[in-house]
Amino acid sequence: MKEILFAQRLADNEKKVRDRALKKLRKYLRLKSSNGPAISREDALKLWKGLFYCMYMADKPLVQVGVCVCVC
């Protein structure tokens, strides 16, 4: 269920909301990967879609690089 909220916030119009979602997603993925099984395929697809729209909303190449660095 959290994955849907992450995807919605990653695709938000406001940059502040997207930035906060990226930070929280990074923490969530670290926690999830350290506590046993990884996320399911369906949840990964939901997150991927949110990240895709996050990159789409970052309209300049330099901003897109910043998004990529933040995710990694």
Foldseek 3Di string as FASTA:
>chain_A
DVLLVLLVQLLDLDPVSNVVSLQVVLVVQVVQVVPDDHDDPVSVVSNVNSPVNNLVSQPDPVSSVVSVVSND
